C-alpha atoms as a PDB file:
ATOM      1  CA  UNK A   1       0.000   0.000   0.000  1.00  0.00           C
ATOM      2  CA  UNK A   2       1.335   3.427  -0.883  1.00  0.00           C
ATOM      3  CA  UNK A   3       1.456   6.406   1.455  1.00  0.00           C
ATOM      4  CA  UNK A   4      -1.133   8.185  -0.678  1.00  0.00           C
ATOM      5  CA  UNK A   5      -3.553   5.257  -0.410  1.00  0.00           C
ATOM      6  CA  UNK A   6      -2.951   4.995   3.335  1.00  0.00           C
ATOM      7  CA  UNK A   7      -3.565   8.686   3.977  1.00  0.00           C
ATOM      8  CA  UNK A   8      -6.801   8.539   1.986  1.00  0.00           C
ATOM      9  CA  UNK A   9      -8.017   5.675   4.186  1.00  0.00           C
ATOM     10  CA  UNK A  10      -6.971   6.998   7.605  1.00  0.00           C
ATOM     11  CA  UNK A  11     -10.344   8.474   8.617  1.00  0.00           C
ATOM     12  CA  UNK A  12     -12.162   5.308   7.606  1.00  0.00           C
ATOM     13  CA  UNK A  13      -9.504   3.315   9.465  1.00  0.00           C
ATOM     14  CA  UNK A  14     -10.007   5.357  12.647  1.00  0.00           C
ATOM     15  CA  UNK A  15     -13.777   5.027  12.350  1.00  0.00           C
ATOM     16  CA  UNK A  16     -13.558   1.246  11.907  1.00  0.00           C
ATOM     17  CA  UNK A  17     -15.243   1.365   8.504  1.00  0.00           C
ATOM     18  CA  UNK A  18     -12.641  -0.661   6.582  1.00  0.00           C
ATOM     19  CA  UNK A  19     -12.917  -4.362   5.927  1.00  0.00           C
ATOM     20  CA  UNK A  20     -10.667  -6.394   8.224  1.00  0.00           C
ATOM     21  CA  UNK A  21      -8.313  -7.241   5.359  1.00  0.00           C
ATOM     22  CA  UNK A  22      -7.889  -3.621   4.249  1.00  0.00           C
ATOM     23  CA  UNK A  23      -7.542  -2.454   7.867  1.00  0.00           C
ATOM     24  CA  UNK A  24      -4.753  -4.998   8.349  1.00  0.00           C
ATOM     25  CA  UNK A  25      -2.877  -3.685   5.304  1.00  0.00           C
ATOM     26  CA  UNK A  26      -3.266  -0.086   6.517  1.00  0.00           C
ATOM     27  CA  UNK A  27      -2.121  -1.107   9.990  1.00  0.00           C
ATOM     28  CA  UNK A  28       0.996  -2.796   8.618  1.00  0.00           C
ATOM     29  CA  UNK A  29       1.826   0.275   6.566  1.00  0.00           C
ATOM     30  CA  UNK A  30       1.346   2.552   9.578  1.00  0.00           C
ATOM     31  CA  UNK A  31       3.707   0.385  11.628  1.00  0.00           C
ATOM     32  CA  UNK A  32       6.579   0.833   9.180  1.00  0.00           C
ATOM     33  CA  UNK A  33       5.970   4.358   7.834  1.00  0.00           C
ATOM     34  CA  UNK A  34       6.768   7.169  10.250  1.00  0.00           C
ATOM     35  CA  UNK A  35       5.259   9.834   7.984  1.00  0.00           C
ATOM     36  CA  UNK A  36       1.894   8.105   7.670  1.00  0.00           C
ATOM     37  CA  UNK A  37       1.931   7.376  11.394  1.00  0.00           C
ATOM     38  CA  UNK A  38       2.259  11.138  12.016  1.00  0.00           C
ATOM     39  CA  UNK A  39      -0.778  11.724   9.795  1.00  0.00           C
ATOM     40  CA  UNK A  40      -2.665   9.070  11.776  1.00  0.00           C
ATOM     41  CA  UNK A  41      -1.782  10.750  15.089  1.00  0.00           C
ATOM     42  CA  UNK A  42      -2.835  14.168  13.781  1.00  0.00           C
ATOM     43  CA  UNK A  43      -6.137  12.783  12.521  1.00  0.00           C
ATOM     44  CA  UNK A  44      -6.791  11.054  15.852  1.00  0.00           C
ATOM     45  CA  UNK A  45      -6.031  14.257  17.768  1.00  0.00           C
ATOM     46  CA  UNK A  46      -8.346  16.209  15.484  1.00  0.00           C
ATOM     47  CA  UNK A  47     -11.151  13.721  16.038  1.00  0.00           C
ATOM     48  CA  UNK A  48     -10.520  13.759  19.791  1.00  0.00           C
ATOM     49  CA  UNK A  49     -10.837  17.552  19.891  1.00  0.00           C
ATOM     50  CA  UNK A  50     -13.932  17.511  17.705  1.00  0.00           C
ATOM     51  CA  UNK A  51     -15.710  14.846  19.715  1.00  0.00           C
ATOM     52  CA  UNK A  52     -14.696  16.386  23.048  1.00  0.00           C
ATOM     53  CA  UNK A  53     -16.228  19.670  21.905  1.00  0.00           C
ATOM     54  CA  UNK A  54     -19.386  17.946  20.655  1.00  0.00           C
ATOM     55  CA  UNK A  55     -20.688  15.653  23.421  1.00  0.00           C
ATOM     56  CA  UNK A  56     -23.801  14.892  21.381  1.00  0.00           C
ATOM     57  CA  UNK A  57     -21.630  13.105  18.767  1.00  0.00           C
ATOM     58  CA  UNK A  58     -20.721   9.493  19.474  1.00  0.00           C
ATOM     59  CA  UNK A  59     -16.982   8.959  19.939  1.00  0.00           C
ATOM     60  CA  UNK A  60     -15.514   6.357  17.628  1.00  0.00           C
ATOM     61  CA  UNK A  61     -12.470   4.373  18.697  1.00  0.00           C
ATOM     62  CA  UNK A  62     -10.454   1.749  16.913  1.00  0.00           C
ATOM     63  CA  UNK A  63      -9.057  -1.002  19.086  1.00  0.00           C
END
């Protein structure tokens, strides 16, 4: 999986909307790519801030 493909899938990955096989490929890429991992962390922080500021919105977590 390329970095571009990974970055495009990060929100769906964080929301748990990817199939298990695609999520596994994204996860493997994130483990070995520091740049994409930084994008993942930034996206997670953004979602955390958004959901903390909007208590009426259900928080989504990926295990």
